[in-house]
Amino acid sequence: MAGCWVIYITTAVLLFRLDIGDASLVYANIFNLGMRITYATWFASAFFPTSILRWRNVLPNRKLLLVCGLSAVVVRLTRVKVDKREQILSLPVAIHVLAGGIMFLCCVGTWWITSGRKLRIRRTTKTE
């Protein structure tokens, strides 16, 4: 994992030298997180036997991916540009925030219906 830190710094410096500016830190972080995900996936696949870890059971189902994609489109379509500080309390901004909140609830509800109910919290009782 220490190698990921070196990759992050190197990527950030290279992107900054390409005149991307402050966004180079964001892109370097995206690349770094992708490398960490790749490493964690490889490690989990090597550590757990295939009878225990099935990647098909880990990934979200298609309904959830569809709702999340639809949410991204709705939030993108309701996006507004704010030039002045006073515009933050305007109606278009309120509609955008409301649309994002509703789509968040749709995503969480879809996740709960499709997969979340399978989670179980084991309660332990204290014996004296």
N, C-alpha and C. Protein backbone atom coordinates (compact mmCIF):
# COMPACT_ATOMS: atom_id res chain seq x y z
N MET A 1 0.82 -1.19 0.00
CA MET A 1 0.00 0.00 0.00
C MET A 1 0.87 1.25 0.00
N ALA A 2 2.09 1.15 0.47
CA ALA A 2 2.98 2.31 0.45
C ALA A 2 3.29 2.71 -0.98
N GLY A 3 3.27 1.74 -1.87
CA GLY A 3 3.49 2.05 -3.28
C GLY A 3 2.40 2.93 -3.86
N CYS A 4 1.20 2.82 -3.33
CA CYS A 4 0.09 3.66 -3.81
C CYS A 4 0.36 5.13 -3.49
N TRP A 5 1.00 5.39 -2.35
CA TRP A 5 1.33 6.76 -2.00
C TRP A 5 2.33 7.34 -2.99
N VAL A 6 3.32 6.54 -3.35
CA VAL A 6 4.32 6.98 -4.33
C VAL A 6 3.65 7.23 -5.69
N ILE A 7 2.74 6.34 -6.07
CA ILE A 7 2.03 6.51 -7.34
C ILE A 7 1.18 7.78 -7.31
N TYR A 8 0.53 8.06 -6.18
CA TYR A 8 -0.29 9.27 -6.07
C TYR A 8 0.56 10.53 -6.25
N ILE A 9 1.65 10.62 -5.54
CA ILE A 9 2.52 11.80 -5.62
C ILE A 9 3.07 11.96 -7.03
N THR A 10 3.54 10.87 -7.61
CA THR A 10 4.11 10.92 -8.95
C THR A 10 3.05 11.36 -9.97
N THR A 11 1.87 10.79 -9.89
CA THR A 11 0.80 11.15 -10.81
C THR A 11 0.41 12.62 -10.64
N ALA A 12 0.30 13.08 -9.42
CA ALA A 12 -0.07 14.47 -9.17
C ALA A 12 0.96 15.43 -9.75
N VAL A 13 2.23 15.13 -9.55
CA VAL A 13 3.29 15.99 -10.07
C VAL A 13 3.29 15.98 -11.60
N LEU A 14 3.16 14.81 -12.19
CA LEU A 14 3.15 14.73 -13.65
C LEU A 14 1.96 15.48 -14.24
N LEU A 15 0.79 15.32 -13.67
CA LEU A 15 -0.38 16.02 -14.17
C LEU A 15 -0.27 17.53 -13.95
N PHE A 16 0.32 17.94 -12.84
CA PHE A 16 0.50 19.36 -12.58
C PHE A 16 1.46 19.98 -13.59
N ARG A 17 2.47 19.23 -13.98
CA ARG A 17 3.42 19.73 -14.99
C ARG A 17 2.80 19.80 -16.38
N LEU A 18 1.70 19.07 -16.59
CA LEU A 18 0.98 19.15 -17.87
C LEU A 18 -0.03 20.29 -17.88
N ASP A 19 0.08 21.19 -16.91
CA ASP A 19 -0.78 22.38 -16.80
C ASP A 19 -2.25 22.05 -16.59
N ILE A 20 -2.52 21.01 -15.84
CA ILE A 20 -3.91 20.69 -15.49
C ILE A 20 -4.33 21.52 -14.28
N GLY A 21 -3.39 21.98 -13.50
CA GLY A 21 -3.69 22.84 -12.37
C GLY A 21 -4.07 22.04 -11.14
N ASP A 22 -4.94 22.65 -10.34
CA ASP A 22 -5.34 22.00 -9.09
C ASP A 22 -6.14 20.72 -9.33
N ALA A 23 -6.76 20.60 -10.48
CA ALA A 23 -7.52 19.39 -10.80
C ALA A 23 -6.61 18.17 -10.89
N SER A 24 -5.30 18.40 -11.02
CA SER A 24 -4.37 17.27 -11.07
C SER A 24 -4.41 16.46 -9.78
N LEU A 25 -4.68 17.11 -8.64
CA LEU A 25 -4.80 16.38 -7.39
C LEU A 25 -6.03 15.47 -7.39
N VAL A 26 -7.11 15.95 -7.99
CA VAL A 26 -8.33 15.14 -8.06
C VAL A 26 -8.10 13.94 -8.97
N TYR A 27 -7.52 14.18 -10.14
CA TYR A 27 -7.27 13.07 -11.06
C TYR A 27 -6.25 12.08 -10.50
N ALA A 28 -5.25 12.58 -9.81
CA ALA A 28 -4.27 11.69 -9.18
C ALA A 28 -4.93 10.85 -8.09
N ASN A 29 -5.85 11.44 -7.35
CA ASN A 29 -6.56 10.70 -6.31
C ASN A 29 -7.46 9.63 -6.93
N ILE A 30 -8.11 9.95 -8.03
CA ILE A 30 -8.95 8.96 -8.73
C ILE A 30 -8.08 7.79 -9.18
N PHE A 31 -6.94 8.09 -9.76
CA PHE A 31 -6.03 7.03 -10.22
C PHE A 31 -5.53 6.21 -9.04
N ASN A 32 -5.19 6.89 -7.93
CA ASN A 32 -4.71 6.21 -6.73
C ASN A 32 -5.77 5.27 -6.17
N LEU A 33 -7.00 5.74 -6.09
CA LEU A 33 -8.07 4.88 -5.57
C LEU A 33 -8.32 3.69 -6.49
N GLY A 34 -8.20 3.91 -7.79
CA GLY A 34 -8.32 2.79 -8.73
C GLY A 34 -7.24 1.74 -8.52
N MET A 35 -6.02 2.20 -8.25
CA MET A 35 -4.92 1.26 -7.97
C MET A 35 -5.17 0.51 -6.66
N ARG A 36 -5.70 1.20 -5.65
CA ARG A 36 -5.99 0.54 -4.38
C ARG A 36 -7.10 -0.50 -4.54
N ILE A 37 -8.11 -0.17 -5.32
CA ILE A 37 -9.19 -1.13 -5.58
C ILE A 37 -8.65 -2.35 -6.30
N THR A 38 -7.78 -2.13 -7.27
CA THR A 38 -7.18 -3.24 -8.00
C THR A 38 -6.36 -4.13 -7.06
N TYR A 39 -5.57 -3.50 -6.20
CA TYR A 39 -4.76 -4.27 -5.26
C TYR A 39 -5.63 -5.04 -4.27
N ALA A 40 -6.67 -4.39 -3.73
CA ALA A 40 -7.53 -5.06 -2.77
C ALA A 40 -8.28 -6.23 -3.42
N THR A 41 -8.69 -6.05 -4.66
CA THR A 41 -9.37 -7.12 -5.38
C THR A 41 -8.43 -8.30 -5.60
N TRP A 42 -7.21 -8.00 -6.02
CA TRP A 42 -6.23 -9.07 -6.23
C TRP A 42 -5.94 -9.80 -4.91
N PHE A 43 -5.77 -9.03 -3.83
CA PHE A 43 -5.44 -9.64 -2.54
C PHE A 43 -6.59 -10.51 -2.05
N ALA A 44 -7.82 -10.01 -2.15
CA ALA A 44 -8.97 -10.80 -1.69
C ALA A 44 -9.14 -12.06 -2.53
N SER A 45 -8.91 -11.96 -3.82
CA SER A 45 -9.03 -13.14 -4.68
C SER A 45 -7.97 -14.19 -4.36
N ALA A 46 -6.77 -13.73 -4.01
CA ALA A 46 -5.69 -14.66 -3.68
C ALA A 46 -5.86 -15.24 -2.28
N PHE A 47 -6.45 -14.49 -1.37
CA PHE A 47 -6.54 -14.92 0.03
C PHE A 47 -7.71 -15.88 0.27
N PHE A 48 -8.88 -15.55 -0.30
CA PHE A 48 -10.06 -16.37 -0.07
C PHE A 48 -10.21 -17.41 -1.16
N PRO A 49 -10.62 -18.63 -0.80
CA PRO A 49 -10.87 -19.63 -1.83
C PRO A 49 -12.11 -19.25 -2.64
N THR A 50 -12.17 -19.75 -3.86
CA THR A 50 -13.29 -19.38 -4.74
C THR A 50 -14.63 -19.90 -4.23
N SER A 51 -14.61 -20.89 -3.35
CA SER A 51 -15.87 -21.39 -2.81
C SER A 51 -16.50 -20.41 -1.82
N ILE A 52 -15.67 -19.54 -1.21
CA ILE A 52 -16.18 -18.56 -0.25
C ILE A 52 -16.49 -17.24 -0.93
N LEU A 53 -15.56 -16.76 -1.75
CA LEU A 53 -15.70 -15.45 -2.37
C LEU A 53 -16.14 -15.59 -3.81
N ARG A 54 -17.36 -15.17 -4.08
CA ARG A 54 -17.86 -15.13 -5.45
C ARG A 54 -18.13 -13.67 -5.78
N TRP A 55 -17.40 -13.14 -6.75
CA TRP A 55 -17.50 -11.72 -7.07
C TRP A 55 -18.89 -11.34 -7.56
N ARG A 56 -19.60 -12.28 -8.14
CA ARG A 56 -20.97 -12.01 -8.60
C ARG A 56 -21.87 -11.65 -7.42
N ASN A 57 -21.60 -12.21 -6.26
CA ASN A 57 -22.41 -11.91 -5.08
C ASN A 57 -21.99 -10.60 -4.41
N VAL A 58 -20.81 -10.10 -4.71
CA VAL A 58 -20.31 -8.89 -4.10
C VAL A 58 -20.77 -7.65 -4.85
N LEU A 59 -20.83 -7.74 -6.15
CA LEU A 59 -21.17 -6.57 -6.98
C LEU A 59 -22.65 -6.23 -6.85
N PRO A 60 -23.01 -4.95 -7.02
CA PRO A 60 -24.42 -4.57 -6.95
C PRO A 60 -25.19 -5.13 -8.14
N ASN A 61 -26.49 -5.32 -7.94
CA ASN A 61 -27.28 -5.90 -9.02
C ASN A 61 -27.65 -4.82 -10.04
N ARG A 62 -28.26 -5.24 -11.12
CA ARG A 62 -28.54 -4.33 -12.25
C ARG A 62 -29.56 -3.26 -11.90
N LYS A 63 -30.54 -3.59 -11.07
CA LYS A 63 -31.55 -2.60 -10.69
C LYS A 63 -30.90 -1.42 -9.97
N LEU A 64 -30.00 -1.72 -9.05
CA LEU A 64 -29.34 -0.65 -8.31
C LEU A 64 -28.46 0.18 -9.23
N LEU A 65 -27.74 -0.46 -10.12
CA LEU A 65 -26.91 0.28 -11.07
C LEU A 65 -27.75 1.17 -11.97
N LEU A 66 -28.91 0.69 -12.38
CA LEU A 66 -29.81 1.47 -13.22
C LEU A 66 -30.33 2.69 -12.47
N VAL A 67 -30.75 2.52 -11.22
CA VAL A 67 -31.26 3.64 -10.43
C VAL A 67 -30.15 4.65 -10.15
N CYS A 68 -28.95 4.19 -9.86
CA CYS A 68 -27.83 5.10 -9.63
C CYS A 68 -27.48 5.88 -10.90
N GLY A 69 -27.51 5.22 -12.04
CA GLY A 69 -27.27 5.91 -13.31
C GLY A 69 -28.34 6.94 -13.61
N LEU A 70 -29.60 6.58 -13.36
CA LEU A 70 -30.70 7.51 -13.55
C LEU A 70 -30.56 8.71 -12.61
N SER A 71 -30.14 8.46 -11.39
CA SER A 71 -29.93 9.54 -10.42
C SER A 71 -28.85 10.50 -10.90
N ALA A 72 -27.78 9.95 -11.45
CA ALA A 72 -26.71 10.80 -11.96
C ALA A 72 -27.21 11.70 -13.09
N VAL A 73 -28.05 11.14 -13.95
CA VAL A 73 -28.60 11.93 -15.06
C VAL A 73 -29.52 13.03 -14.53
N VAL A 74 -30.39 12.70 -13.59
CA VAL A 74 -31.32 13.70 -13.03
C VAL A 74 -30.56 14.82 -12.33
N VAL A 75 -29.58 14.48 -11.53
CA VAL A 75 -28.81 15.50 -10.83
C VAL A 75 -28.04 16.35 -11.82
N ARG A 76 -27.52 15.74 -12.86
CA ARG A 76 -26.78 16.50 -13.88
C ARG A 76 -27.70 17.45 -14.64
N LEU A 77 -28.92 17.01 -14.93
CA LEU A 77 -29.86 17.85 -15.67
C LEU A 77 -30.38 19.03 -14.84
N THR A 78 -30.44 18.88 -13.53
CA THR A 78 -30.94 19.96 -12.68
C THR A 78 -29.82 20.87 -12.17
N ARG A 79 -28.62 20.64 -12.63
CA ARG A 79 -27.47 21.42 -12.17
C ARG A 79 -27.60 22.87 -12.60
N VAL A 80 -27.19 23.78 -11.75
CA VAL A 80 -27.23 25.21 -12.04
C VAL A 80 -25.87 25.82 -11.74
N LYS A 81 -25.59 26.93 -12.40
CA LYS A 81 -24.35 27.65 -12.15
C LYS A 81 -24.66 28.84 -11.25
N VAL A 82 -23.92 28.95 -10.18
CA VAL A 82 -24.13 30.04 -9.22
C VAL A 82 -22.98 31.03 -9.37
N ASP A 83 -23.34 32.27 -9.75
CA ASP A 83 -22.32 33.30 -9.93
C ASP A 83 -22.13 34.16 -8.69
N LYS A 84 -23.22 34.41 -8.00
CA LYS A 84 -23.15 35.28 -6.84
C LYS A 84 -23.57 34.52 -5.60
N ARG A 85 -23.11 34.99 -4.48
CA ARG A 85 -23.40 34.34 -3.21
C ARG A 85 -24.90 34.32 -2.91
N GLU A 86 -25.64 35.34 -3.33
CA GLU A 86 -27.07 35.43 -3.06
C GLU A 86 -27.86 34.37 -3.83
N GLN A 87 -27.32 33.87 -4.90
CA GLN A 87 -28.03 32.90 -5.73
C GLN A 87 -28.10 31.52 -5.10
N ILE A 88 -27.37 31.29 -4.03
CA ILE A 88 -27.38 29.98 -3.38
C ILE A 88 -28.78 29.66 -2.84
N LEU A 89 -29.52 30.69 -2.46
CA LEU A 89 -30.86 30.48 -1.92
C LEU A 89 -31.94 30.62 -2.98
N SER A 90 -31.59 30.51 -4.25
CA SER A 90 -32.57 30.68 -5.33
C SER A 90 -33.37 29.39 -5.56
N LEU A 91 -34.46 29.51 -6.31
CA LEU A 91 -35.33 28.37 -6.58
C LEU A 91 -34.62 27.28 -7.39
N PRO A 92 -33.86 27.60 -8.45
CA PRO A 92 -33.17 26.52 -9.19
C PRO A 92 -32.21 25.71 -8.31
N VAL A 93 -31.52 26.37 -7.39
CA VAL A 93 -30.61 25.65 -6.50
C VAL A 93 -31.40 24.75 -5.55
N ALA A 94 -32.53 25.25 -5.05
CA ALA A 94 -33.38 24.45 -4.17
C ALA A 94 -33.92 23.23 -4.90
N ILE A 95 -34.31 23.41 -6.16
CA ILE A 95 -34.81 22.27 -6.97
C ILE A 95 -33.69 21.25 -7.17
N HIS A 96 -32.49 21.72 -7.43
CA HIS A 96 -31.36 20.81 -7.63
C HIS A 96 -31.07 20.00 -6.35
N VAL A 97 -31.07 20.67 -5.20
CA VAL A 97 -30.82 19.99 -3.93
C VAL A 97 -31.95 19.00 -3.62
N LEU A 98 -33.18 19.41 -3.87
CA LEU A 98 -34.32 18.53 -3.64
C LEU A 98 -34.26 17.30 -4.56
N ALA A 99 -33.93 17.52 -5.83
CA ALA A 99 -33.81 16.39 -6.77
C ALA A 99 -32.71 15.43 -6.32
N GLY A 100 -31.58 15.97 -5.87
CA GLY A 100 -30.50 15.12 -5.37
C GLY A 100 -30.91 14.33 -4.15
N GLY A 101 -31.63 14.96 -3.23
CA GLY A 101 -32.10 14.27 -2.04
C GLY A 101 -33.08 13.16 -2.36
N ILE A 102 -34.01 13.44 -3.28
CA ILE A 102 -34.98 12.41 -3.68
C ILE A 102 -34.29 11.25 -4.37
N MET A 103 -33.34 11.55 -5.24
CA MET A 103 -32.63 10.48 -5.93
C MET A 103 -31.76 9.68 -4.96
N PHE A 104 -31.21 10.33 -3.94
CA PHE A 104 -30.47 9.61 -2.90
C PHE A 104 -31.38 8.62 -2.20
N LEU A 105 -32.58 9.07 -1.83
CA LEU A 105 -33.53 8.17 -1.17
C LEU A 105 -33.94 7.02 -2.09
N CYS A 106 -34.07 7.30 -3.39
CA CYS A 106 -34.39 6.23 -4.34
C CYS A 106 -33.26 5.20 -4.41
N CYS A 107 -32.02 5.68 -4.42
CA CYS A 107 -30.87 4.76 -4.47
C CYS A 107 -30.79 3.91 -3.20
N VAL A 108 -30.94 4.54 -2.04
CA VAL A 108 -30.88 3.79 -0.78
C VAL A 108 -32.05 2.82 -0.68
N GLY A 109 -33.24 3.26 -1.09
CA GLY A 109 -34.40 2.36 -1.06
C GLY A 109 -34.22 1.17 -1.98
N THR A 110 -33.70 1.41 -3.18
CA THR A 110 -33.46 0.30 -4.11
C THR A 110 -32.41 -0.65 -3.55
N TRP A 111 -31.35 -0.09 -2.96
CA TRP A 111 -30.34 -0.95 -2.35
C TRP A 111 -30.95 -1.79 -1.23
N TRP A 112 -31.77 -1.17 -0.39
CA TRP A 112 -32.35 -1.89 0.74
C TRP A 112 -33.27 -3.01 0.25
N ILE A 113 -34.07 -2.75 -0.77
CA ILE A 113 -35.00 -3.76 -1.27
C ILE A 113 -34.25 -4.90 -1.96
N THR A 114 -33.20 -4.57 -2.72
CA THR A 114 -32.51 -5.61 -3.49
C THR A 114 -31.45 -6.35 -2.70
N SER A 115 -30.72 -5.67 -1.81
CA SER A 115 -29.62 -6.34 -1.12
C SER A 115 -29.55 -6.08 0.36
N GLY A 116 -29.95 -4.94 0.81
CA GLY A 116 -29.74 -4.54 2.20
C GLY A 116 -30.43 -5.42 3.21
N ARG A 117 -31.55 -6.00 2.85
CA ARG A 117 -32.27 -6.85 3.79
C ARG A 117 -31.51 -8.12 4.13
N LYS A 118 -30.54 -8.46 3.31
CA LYS A 118 -29.76 -9.67 3.57
C LYS A 118 -28.75 -9.47 4.70
N LEU A 119 -28.49 -8.20 5.04
CA LEU A 119 -27.55 -7.93 6.14
C LEU A 119 -28.21 -8.28 7.45
N ARG A 120 -27.46 -8.88 8.30
CA ARG A 120 -27.98 -9.25 9.60
C ARG A 120 -27.05 -8.72 10.67
N ILE A 121 -27.64 -8.13 11.67
CA ILE A 121 -26.86 -7.66 12.81
C ILE A 121 -27.06 -8.66 13.92
N ARG A 122 -26.00 -9.26 14.33
CA ARG A 122 -26.08 -10.25 15.40
C ARG A 122 -26.01 -9.54 16.74
N ARG A 123 -27.00 -9.77 17.53
CA ARG A 123 -27.04 -9.15 18.85
C ARG A 123 -26.57 -10.16 19.88
N THR A 124 -25.72 -9.70 20.74
CA THR A 124 -25.23 -10.58 21.79
C THR A 124 -25.92 -10.18 23.09
N THR A 125 -26.25 -11.16 23.85
CA THR A 125 -26.87 -10.88 25.14
C THR A 125 -25.84 -11.11 26.22
N LYS A 126 -25.93 -10.30 27.23
CA LYS A 126 -25.01 -10.41 28.34
C LYS A 126 -25.51 -11.47 29.31
N THR A 127 -24.68 -12.42 29.61
CA THR A 127 -25.04 -13.45 30.60
C THR A 127 -24.24 -13.19 31.86
N GLU A 128 -24.91 -13.27 32.96
CA GLU A 128 -24.23 -13.02 34.24
C GLU A 128 -23.96 -14.29 34.98
